Amino acid sequence: MKNLYDCHVHLNLPQFSLQRDLLLEECGKLLDFCINVGFDEKSSEESLSLAYGYPFIKAAVGIHPTYASSSTPRLLERISAMLLEEETVALGEIGLDYYWMKDPPEVQKAVFEEQMEIAAKQKKPVLIHDREAHDDTLAVLKIFKGRVRGVLHSFSGDETMAKKAADLGYYLSISGPVTYTNKKNALFRSLVSSLPPEWLLIETDSPYLAPVPFRGKTNSPLYVAYVAREIASLKQMEPEEFLRISRRSAKDIFEI
């Protein structure tokens, strides 16, 4: 399948330790590019290392909301420096997580806004983590309207949020759950079917959120085609046409 890419992976994680070299070789054959995403200092450094080692990998660096309390001026300076690296294409993943709530909302929002300011100064896109924090996430994005663009990673909002995010300059990245056909997921699948293809990116969030028929197993960038095919089916499009449009959007936001 042509034009395959994956805009959100974590290939540095231990789940891939035993087969990482082989997996990277296969991904290099299948994918045009993928974005390996950091969530703290160590993983951000690992993302950069992968990006410099493999031509199809680009890096994102940042502090995930579940690590907000680890943020210090020194760490923010380090993230800012890594963002200047040639192989870094985005700041992320950053945002808010009210599901795990490892830090109070005020702490998460402060670190989120500090990183958004870094992205604005360096003119880099952001990868946004938003879990059960839709309103507060949009409120922060609105503060930086016109200064920061990016991607809502593994989008889980409703139609209203999708439209507001698009108005703020954000793409919506769709992951494995779009393939889940249970009753609980019907509204989300219906939403995806109604959204303009120009708004939609694809991801696996490997090693998490494996699509059907791999649900419950370790996810892989090699499975991103299942996400693309499902979106195309929901939208009654040919997969190749959807991928052509989606890849163009991804290359636009990441300047690849």
C-alpha atoms as a PDB file:
ATOM      1  CA  MET A   1       0.000   0.000   0.000  1.00  0.00           C
ATOM      2  CA  LYS A   2       1.445   3.378  -1.027  1.00  0.00           C
ATOM      3  CA  ASN A   3       1.739   6.496   1.142  1.00  0.00           C
ATOM      4  CA  LEU A   4       1.727   4.648   4.469  1.00  0.00           C
ATOM      5  CA  TYR A   5       3.135   6.520   7.450  1.00  0.00           C
ATOM      6  CA  ASP A   6       2.651   6.518  11.223  1.00  0.00           C
ATOM      7  CA  CYS A   7       2.564   9.847  13.019  1.00  0.00           C
ATOM      8  CA  HIS A   8       2.825   8.510  16.583  1.00  0.00           C
ATOM      9  CA  VAL A   9       4.945   5.563  17.741  1.00  0.00           C
ATOM     10  CA  HIS A  10       7.109   4.618  20.733  1.00  0.00           C
ATOM     11  CA  LEU A  11       9.619   2.230  19.184  1.00  0.00           C
ATOM     12  CA  ASN A  12      12.097   2.849  21.985  1.00  0.00           C
ATOM     13  CA  LEU A  13       9.934   1.120  24.614  1.00  0.00           C
ATOM     14  CA  PRO A  14      10.897  -2.228  26.220  1.00  0.00           C
ATOM     15  CA  GLN A  15       8.032  -4.074  24.495  1.00  0.00           C
ATOM     16  CA  PHE A  16      10.154  -4.021  21.331  1.00  0.00           C
ATOM     17  CA  SER A  17      13.499  -4.930  22.892  1.00  0.00           C
ATOM     18  CA  LEU A  18      13.669  -8.520  21.629  1.00  0.00           C
ATOM     19  CA  GLN A  19      12.761  -7.770  18.002  1.00  0.00           C
ATOM     20  CA  ARG A  20      13.525  -4.062  17.569  1.00  0.00           C
ATOM     21  CA  ASP A  21      16.176  -4.415  14.848  1.00  0.00           C
ATOM     22  CA  LEU A  22      13.982  -6.672  12.712  1.00  0.00           C
ATOM     23  CA  LEU A  23      10.926  -4.499  13.289  1.00  0.00           C
ATOM     24  CA  LEU A  24      12.813  -1.354  12.278  1.00  0.00           C
ATOM     25  CA  GLU A  25      14.000  -3.074   9.116  1.00  0.00           C
ATOM     26  CA  GLU A  26      10.434  -4.043   8.190  1.00  0.00           C
ATOM     27  CA  CYS A  27       9.081  -0.594   9.058  1.00  0.00           C
ATOM     28  CA  GLY A  28      11.701   1.001   6.838  1.00  0.00           C
ATOM     29  CA  LYS A  29      10.389  -1.042   3.913  1.00  0.00           C
ATOM     30  CA  LEU A  30       6.690  -0.363   4.584  1.00  0.00           C
ATOM     31  CA  LEU A  31       6.517   3.223   5.813  1.00  0.00           C
ATOM     32  CA  ASP A  32       7.338   6.493   4.137  1.00  0.00           C
ATOM     33  CA  PHE A  33       8.047   7.931   7.597  1.00  0.00           C
ATOM     34  CA  CYS A  34       7.064   7.660  11.237  1.00  0.00           C
ATOM     35  CA  ILE A  35       7.307   9.999  14.219  1.00  0.00           C
ATOM     36  CA  ASN A  36       8.845   8.459  17.331  1.00  0.00           C
ATOM     37  CA  VAL A  37       7.433  10.350  20.284  1.00  0.00           C
ATOM     38  CA  GLY A  38       9.061  11.133  23.619  1.00  0.00           C
ATOM     39  CA  PHE A  39       7.258  11.536  26.938  1.00  0.00           C
ATOM     40  CA  ASP A  40      10.107  12.428  29.323  1.00  0.00           C
ATOM     41  CA  GLU A  41      13.803  13.275  29.068  1.00  0.00           C
ATOM     42  CA  LYS A  42      15.073   9.720  28.570  1.00  0.00           C
ATOM     43  CA  SER A  43      12.484   8.732  25.967  1.00  0.00           C
ATOM     44  CA  SER A  44      12.989  12.009  24.112  1.00  0.00           C
ATOM     45  CA  GLU A  45      16.717  11.330  23.902  1.00  0.00           C
ATOM     46  CA  GLU A  46      15.959   7.801  22.677  1.00  0.00           C
ATOM     47  CA  SER A  47      13.639   9.209  20.017  1.00  0.00           C
ATOM     48  CA  LEU A  48      16.420  11.432  18.749  1.00  0.00           C
ATOM     49  CA  SER A  49      18.844   8.516  18.707  1.00  0.00           C
ATOM     50  CA  LEU A  50      16.430   6.460  16.596  1.00  0.00           C
ATOM     51  CA  ALA A  51      15.835   9.393  14.242  1.00  0.00           C
ATOM     52  CA  TYR A  52      19.546   9.849  13.625  1.00  0.00           C
ATOM     53  CA  GLY A  53      19.956   6.111  13.113  1.00  0.00           C
ATOM     54  CA  TYR A  54      17.107   5.472  10.659  1.00  0.00           C
ATOM     55  CA  PRO A  55      16.216   7.724   7.712  1.00  0.00           C
ATOM     56  CA  PHE A  56      12.466   7.005   7.884  1.00  0.00           C
ATOM     57  CA  ILE A  57      12.168   7.981  11.579  1.00  0.00           C
ATOM     58  CA  LYS A  58      11.662  11.535  12.807  1.00  0.00           C
ATOM     59  CA  ALA A  59      11.645  12.523  16.475  1.00  0.00           C
ATOM     60  CA  ALA A  60       9.261  14.330  18.771  1.00  0.00           C
ATOM     61  CA  VAL A  61      10.418  15.400  22.243  1.00  0.00           C
ATOM     62  CA  GLY A  62       8.426  16.520  25.254  1.00  0.00           C
ATOM     63  CA  ILE A  63       7.034  15.969  28.743  1.00  0.00           C
ATOM     64  CA  HIS A  64       3.843  13.884  28.948  1.00  0.00           C
ATOM     65  CA  PRO A  65       1.211  15.103  31.444  1.00  0.00           C
ATOM     66  CA  THR A  66       1.688  12.031  33.643  1.00  0.00           C
ATOM     67  CA  TYR A  67       5.262  13.244  34.175  1.00  0.00           C
ATOM     68  CA  ALA A  68       4.329  16.875  34.785  1.00  0.00           C
ATOM     69  CA  SER A  69       5.703  16.899  38.330  1.00  0.00           C
ATOM     70  CA  SER A  70       9.151  15.997  36.981  1.00  0.00           C
ATOM     71  CA  SER A  71       9.318  19.251  35.027  1.00  0.00           C
ATOM     72  CA  THR A  72      12.037  21.685  36.069  1.00  0.00           C
ATOM     73  CA  PRO A  73      13.585  24.730  34.402  1.00  0.00           C
ATOM     74  CA  ARG A  74      16.591  22.562  33.506  1.00  0.00           C
ATOM     75  CA  LEU A  75      14.387  19.890  31.899  1.00  0.00           C
ATOM     76  CA  LEU A  76      12.425  22.475  29.920  1.00  0.00           C
ATOM     77  CA  GLU A  77      15.728  23.922  28.680  1.00  0.00           C
ATOM     78  CA  ARG A  78      16.813  20.413  27.676  1.00  0.00           C
ATOM     79  CA  ILE A  79      13.559  19.813  25.780  1.00  0.00           C
ATOM     80  CA  SER A  80      13.966  23.191  24.086  1.00  0.00           C
ATOM     81  CA  ALA A  81      17.507  22.277  23.022  1.00  0.00           C
ATOM     82  CA  MET A  82      16.413  18.882  21.670  1.00  0.00           C
ATOM     83  CA  LEU A  83      13.670  20.611  19.707  1.00  0.00           C
ATOM     84  CA  LEU A  84      16.383  22.436  17.745  1.00  0.00           C
ATOM     85  CA  GLU A  85      17.926  19.176  16.548  1.00  0.00           C
ATOM     86  CA  GLU A  86      17.737  18.577  12.811  1.00  0.00           C
ATOM     87  CA  GLU A  87      15.778  15.318  13.147  1.00  0.00           C
ATOM     88  CA  THR A  88      13.166  16.707  15.582  1.00  0.00           C
ATOM     89  CA  VAL A  89       9.914  17.646  13.871  1.00  0.00           C
ATOM     90  CA  ALA A  90       7.537  18.254  16.799  1.00  0.00           C
ATOM     91  CA  LEU A  91       7.193  18.918  20.521  1.00  0.00           C
ATOM     92  CA  GLY A  92       5.294  16.151  22.206  1.00  0.00           C
ATOM     93  CA  GLU A  93       3.651  14.423  23.508  1.00  0.00           C
ATOM     94  CA  ILE A  94       2.286  17.103  25.792  1.00  0.00           C
ATOM     95  CA  GLY A  95      -1.141  17.915  27.136  1.00  0.00           C
ATOM     96  CA  LEU A  96      -3.532  16.844  29.875  1.00  0.00           C
ATOM     97  CA  ASP A  97      -4.527  13.494  31.367  1.00  0.00           C
ATOM     98  CA  TYR A  98      -7.410  13.539  33.825  1.00  0.00           C
ATOM     99  CA  TYR A  99      -7.884   9.766  33.661  1.00  0.00           C
ATOM    100  CA  TRP A 100      -4.713   8.811  35.541  1.00  0.00           C
ATOM    101  CA  MET A 101      -4.548  12.214  37.289  1.00  0.00           C
ATOM    102  CA  LYS A 102      -1.030  11.631  38.599  1.00  0.00           C
ATOM    103  CA  ASP A 103      -0.694  15.392  39.101  1.00  0.00           C
ATOM    104  CA  PRO A 104      -3.388  17.993  39.816  1.00  0.00           C
ATOM    105  CA  PRO A 105      -4.883  19.786  36.800  1.00  0.00           C
ATOM    106  CA  GLU A 106      -3.157  23.027  37.780  1.00  0.00           C
ATOM    107  CA  VAL A 107       0.266  21.367  37.650  1.00  0.00           C
ATOM    108  CA  GLN A 108      -0.486  19.667  34.330  1.00  0.00           C
ATOM    109  CA  LYS A 109      -1.807  22.869  32.756  1.00  0.00           C
ATOM    110  CA  ALA A 110       1.212  24.885  33.875  1.00  0.00           C
ATOM    111  CA  VAL A 111       3.668  22.428  32.282  1.00  0.00           C
ATOM    112  CA  PHE A 112       1.460  22.164  29.186  1.00  0.00           C
ATOM    113  CA  GLU A 113       1.458  25.935  28.714  1.00  0.00           C
ATOM    114  CA  GLU A 114       5.208  26.196  29.316  1.00  0.00           C
ATOM    115  CA  GLN A 115       5.842  23.694  26.549  1.00  0.00           C
ATOM    116  CA  MET A 116       3.350  25.370  24.223  1.00  0.00           C
ATOM    117  CA  GLU A 117       5.333  28.583  24.707  1.00  0.00           C
ATOM    118  CA  ILE A 118       8.519  26.762  23.713  1.00  0.00           C
ATOM    119  CA  ALA A 119       6.790  25.443  20.583  1.00  0.00           C
ATOM    120  CA  ALA A 120       5.561  28.938  19.731  1.00  0.00           C
ATOM    121  CA  LYS A 121       9.042  30.439  20.074  1.00  0.00           C
ATOM    122  CA  GLN A 122      10.670  27.714  18.004  1.00  0.00           C
ATOM    123  CA  LYS A 123       7.818  27.528  15.481  1.00  0.00           C
ATOM    124  CA  LYS A 124       7.369  23.786  15.910  1.00  0.00           C
ATOM    125  CA  PRO A 125       4.110  21.795  15.802  1.00  0.00           C
ATOM    126  CA  VAL A 126       2.908  19.934  18.883  1.00  0.00           C
ATOM    127  CA  LEU A 127       1.556  16.443  19.518  1.00  0.00           C
ATOM    128  CA  ILE A 128      -1.271  16.714  22.026  1.00  0.00           C
ATOM    129  CA  HIS A 129      -2.259  14.055  24.572  1.00  0.00           C
ATOM    130  CA  ASP A 130      -5.833  14.659  25.737  1.00  0.00           C
ATOM    131  CA  ARG A 131      -7.522  12.105  27.965  1.00  0.00           C
ATOM    132  CA  GLU A 132     -10.791  13.067  29.640  1.00  0.00           C
ATOM    133  CA  ALA A 133      -9.692  16.713  29.549  1.00  0.00           C
ATOM    134  CA  HIS A 134     -11.324  17.978  26.359  1.00  0.00           C
ATOM    135  CA  ASP A 135     -12.490  21.387  27.592  1.00  0.00           C
ATOM    136  CA  ASP A 136      -9.255  22.301  29.354  1.00  0.00           C
ATOM    137  CA  THR A 137      -7.189  21.053  26.411  1.00  0.00           C
ATOM    138  CA  LEU A 138      -9.095  23.275  24.005  1.00  0.00           C
ATOM    139  CA  ALA A 139      -8.783  26.216  26.405  1.00  0.00           C
ATOM    140  CA  VAL A 140      -4.976  25.941  26.353  1.00  0.00           C
ATOM    141  CA  LEU A 141      -4.848  25.488  22.579  1.00  0.00           C
ATOM    142  CA  LYS A 142      -7.001  28.603  22.181  1.00  0.00           C
ATOM    143  CA  ILE A 143      -4.460  30.688  24.128  1.00  0.00           C
ATOM    144  CA  PHE A 144      -1.903  29.880  21.443  1.00  0.00           C
ATOM    145  CA  LYS A 145      -4.174  30.208  18.408  1.00  0.00           C
ATOM    146  CA  GLY A 146      -2.198  31.487  15.449  1.00  0.00           C
ATOM    147  CA  ARG A 147       1.109  30.758  17.185  1.00  0.00           C
ATOM    148  CA  VAL A 148       1.087  26.955  17.474  1.00  0.00           C
ATOM    149  CA  ARG A 149      -0.367  24.234  15.263  1.00  0.00           C
ATOM    150  CA  GLY A 150      -0.282  20.512  15.703  1.00  0.00           C
ATOM    151  CA  VAL A 151      -2.014  17.178  16.067  1.00  0.00           C
ATOM    152  CA  LEU A 152      -4.517  15.831  18.576  1.00  0.00           C
ATOM    153  CA  HIS A 153      -3.001  12.393  19.076  1.00  0.00           C
ATOM    154  CA  SER A 154      -5.347   9.387  19.199  1.00  0.00           C
ATOM    155  CA  PHE A 155      -8.324  11.731  18.978  1.00  0.00           C
ATOM    156  CA  SER A 156     -11.239  10.766  21.234  1.00  0.00           C
ATOM    157  CA  GLY A 157     -13.420  13.885  21.230  1.00  0.00           C
ATOM    158  CA  ASP A 158     -16.804  14.604  19.686  1.00  0.00           C
ATOM    159  CA  GLU A 159     -17.885  16.564  16.612  1.00  0.00           C
ATOM    160  CA  THR A 160     -17.855  19.908  18.431  1.00  0.00           C
ATOM    161  CA  MET A 161     -14.301  19.365  19.625  1.00  0.00           C
ATOM    162  CA  ALA A 162     -13.190  18.200  16.185  1.00  0.00           C
ATOM    163  CA  LYS A 163     -14.470  21.382  14.563  1.00  0.00           C
ATOM    164  CA  LYS A 164     -12.982  23.634  17.243  1.00  0.00           C
ATOM    165  CA  ALA A 165      -9.623  21.889  16.969  1.00  0.00           C
ATOM    166  CA  ALA A 166      -9.598  22.217  13.194  1.00  0.00           C
ATOM    167  CA  ASP A 167     -10.390  25.924  13.541  1.00  0.00           C
ATOM    168  CA  LEU A 168      -7.379  26.269  15.843  1.00  0.00           C
ATOM    169  CA  GLY A 169      -5.096  24.692  13.243  1.00  0.00           C
ATOM    170  CA  TYR A 170      -4.977  21.104  14.478  1.00  0.00           C
ATOM    171  CA  TYR A 171      -5.205  17.791  12.669  1.00  0.00           C
ATOM    172  CA  LEU A 172      -6.928  14.794  14.268  1.00  0.00           C
ATOM    173  CA  SER A 173      -4.864  11.623  14.454  1.00  0.00           C
ATOM    174  CA  ILE A 174      -6.869   8.391  14.416  1.00  0.00           C
ATOM    175  CA  SER A 175      -5.553   5.162  15.935  1.00  0.00           C
ATOM    176  CA  GLY A 176      -6.543   1.523  16.463  1.00  0.00           C
ATOM    177  CA  PRO A 177      -9.850   2.076  18.313  1.00  0.00           C
ATOM    178  CA  VAL A 178     -11.453   3.179  15.030  1.00  0.00           C
ATOM    179  CA  THR A 179     -11.446  -0.539  14.139  1.00  0.00           C
ATOM    180  CA  TYR A 180     -13.385  -1.546  17.273  1.00  0.00           C
ATOM    181  CA  THR A 181     -16.963  -2.309  16.239  1.00  0.00           C
ATOM    182  CA  ASN A 182     -18.512  -2.652  19.695  1.00  0.00           C
ATOM    183  CA  LYS A 183     -21.643  -0.636  20.495  1.00  0.00           C
ATOM    184  CA  LYS A 184     -19.721   1.732  22.784  1.00  0.00           C
ATOM    185  CA  ASN A 185     -17.534   2.823  19.865  1.00  0.00           C
ATOM    186  CA  ALA A 186     -20.323   3.330  17.312  1.00  0.00           C
ATOM    187  CA  LEU A 187     -20.559   7.100  17.831  1.00  0.00           C
ATOM    188  CA  PHE A 188     -16.837   7.573  17.348  1.00  0.00           C
ATOM    189  CA  ARG A 189     -16.817   5.548  14.145  1.00  0.00           C
ATOM    190  CA  SER A 190     -19.760   7.587  12.892  1.00  0.00           C
ATOM    191  CA  LEU A 191     -17.885  10.783  13.684  1.00  0.00           C
ATOM    192  CA  VAL A 192     -14.796   9.637  11.769  1.00  0.00           C
ATOM    193  CA  SER A 193     -16.984   8.812   8.782  1.00  0.00           C
ATOM    194  CA  SER A 194     -18.322  12.373   8.745  1.00  0.00           C
ATOM    195  CA  LEU A 195     -15.075  14.331   9.091  1.00  0.00           C
ATOM    196  CA  PRO A 196     -13.203  15.764   6.082  1.00  0.00           C
ATOM    197  CA  PRO A 197     -10.326  13.463   5.099  1.00  0.00           C
ATOM    198  CA  GLU A 198      -8.036  16.504   5.031  1.00  0.00           C
ATOM    199  CA  TRP A 199      -8.370  16.720   8.821  1.00  0.00           C
ATOM    200  CA  LEU A 200      -7.367  13.124   9.530  1.00  0.00           C
ATOM    201  CA  LEU A 201      -3.941  11.620  10.175  1.00  0.00           C
ATOM    202  CA  ILE A 202      -3.161   7.992  11.028  1.00  0.00           C
ATOM    203  CA  GLU A 203      -1.145   6.457  13.840  1.00  0.00           C
ATOM    204  CA  THR A 204      -0.688   3.265  15.822  1.00  0.00           C
ATOM    205  CA  ASP A 205       0.567   4.631  19.156  1.00  0.00           C
ATOM    206  CA  SER A 206       2.664   1.445  19.200  1.00  0.00           C
ATOM    207  CA  PRO A 207       2.974  -0.560  21.394  1.00  0.00           C
ATOM    208  CA  TYR A 208      -0.504   0.472  22.579  1.00  0.00           C
ATOM    209  CA  LEU A 209      -4.014   0.431  21.038  1.00  0.00           C
ATOM    210  CA  ALA A 210      -3.572  -2.399  18.568  1.00  0.00           C
ATOM    211  CA  PRO A 211      -6.256  -2.490  15.873  1.00  0.00           C
ATOM    212  CA  VAL A 212      -8.491  -5.438  15.076  1.00  0.00           C
ATOM    213  CA  PRO A 213      -7.471  -8.252  14.464  1.00  0.00           C
ATOM    214  CA  PHE A 214      -4.549  -7.680  16.863  1.00  0.00           C
ATOM    215  CA  ARG A 215      -6.517  -6.086  19.702  1.00  0.00           C
ATOM    216  CA  GLY A 216      -5.040  -6.980  23.092  1.00  0.00           C
ATOM    217  CA  LYS A 217      -1.598  -7.702  21.626  1.00  0.00           C
ATOM    218  CA  THR A 218       1.494  -5.521  21.302  1.00  0.00           C
ATOM    219  CA  ASN A 219       0.810  -2.957  18.599  1.00  0.00           C
ATOM    220  CA  SER A 220       3.256  -2.266  15.771  1.00  0.00           C
ATOM    221  CA  PRO A 221       3.694   0.399  13.086  1.00  0.00           C
ATOM    222  CA  LEU A 222       3.306  -2.490  10.646  1.00  0.00           C
ATOM    223  CA  TYR A 223      -0.401  -2.480  11.553  1.00  0.00           C
ATOM    224  CA  VAL A 224      -1.074   1.117  10.549  1.00  0.00           C
ATOM    225  CA  ALA A 225      -2.582  -0.089   7.262  1.00  0.00           C
ATOM    226  CA  TYR A 226      -5.498  -1.552   9.240  1.00  0.00           C
ATOM    227  CA  VAL A 227      -6.260   1.906  10.614  1.00  0.00           C
ATOM    228  CA  ALA A 228      -6.031   3.487   7.178  1.00  0.00           C
ATOM    229  CA  ARG A 229      -8.262   0.875   5.562  1.00  0.00           C
ATOM    230  CA  GLU A 230     -10.909   1.207   8.266  1.00  0.00           C
ATOM    231  CA  ILE A 231     -11.058   4.988   7.964  1.00  0.00           C
ATOM    232  CA  ALA A 232     -11.289   4.726   4.183  1.00  0.00           C
ATOM    233  CA  SER A 233     -14.080   2.165   4.500  1.00  0.00           C
ATOM    234  CA  LEU A 234     -16.040   4.338   6.912  1.00  0.00           C
ATOM    235  CA  LYS A 235     -15.680   7.255   4.523  1.00  0.00           C
ATOM    236  CA  GLN A 236     -16.493   5.119   1.460  1.00  0.00           C
ATOM    237  CA  MET A 237     -13.169   6.018  -0.129  1.00  0.00           C
ATOM    238  CA  GLU A 238     -10.489   3.956  -1.779  1.00  0.00           C
ATOM    239  CA  PRO A 239      -7.644   3.434   0.748  1.00  0.00           C
ATOM    240  CA  GLU A 240      -5.076   4.808  -1.686  1.00  0.00           C
ATOM    241  CA  GLU A 241      -7.039   8.028  -2.151  1.00  0.00           C
ATOM    242  CA  PHE A 242      -7.492   8.530   1.582  1.00  0.00           C
ATOM    243  CA  LEU A 243      -3.789   7.876   2.191  1.00  0.00           C
ATOM    244  CA  ARG A 244      -2.759  10.306  -0.510  1.00  0.00           C
ATOM    245  CA  ILE A 245      -4.773  13.074   1.191  1.00  0.00           C
ATOM    246  CA  SER A 246      -3.770  12.105   4.737  1.00  0.00           C
ATOM    247  CA  ARG A 247      -0.072  11.795   3.967  1.00  0.00           C
ATOM    248  CA  ARG A 248      -0.121  15.242   2.367  1.00  0.00           C
ATOM    249  CA  SER A 249      -1.604  16.666   5.587  1.00  0.00           C
ATOM    250  CA  ALA A 250       1.002  14.879   7.708  1.00  0.00           C
ATOM    251  CA  LYS A 251       3.881  16.137   5.592  1.00  0.00           C
ATOM    252  CA  ASP A 252       2.411  19.625   5.825  1.00  0.00           C
ATOM    253  CA  ILE A 253       2.239  19.784   9.620  1.00  0.00           C
ATOM    254  CA  PHE A 254       5.611  18.086  10.218  1.00  0.00           C
ATOM    255  CA  GLU A 255       7.327  19.813   7.268  1.00  0.00           C
ATOM    256  CA  ILE A 256       8.703  16.515   6.015  1.00  0.00           C
END
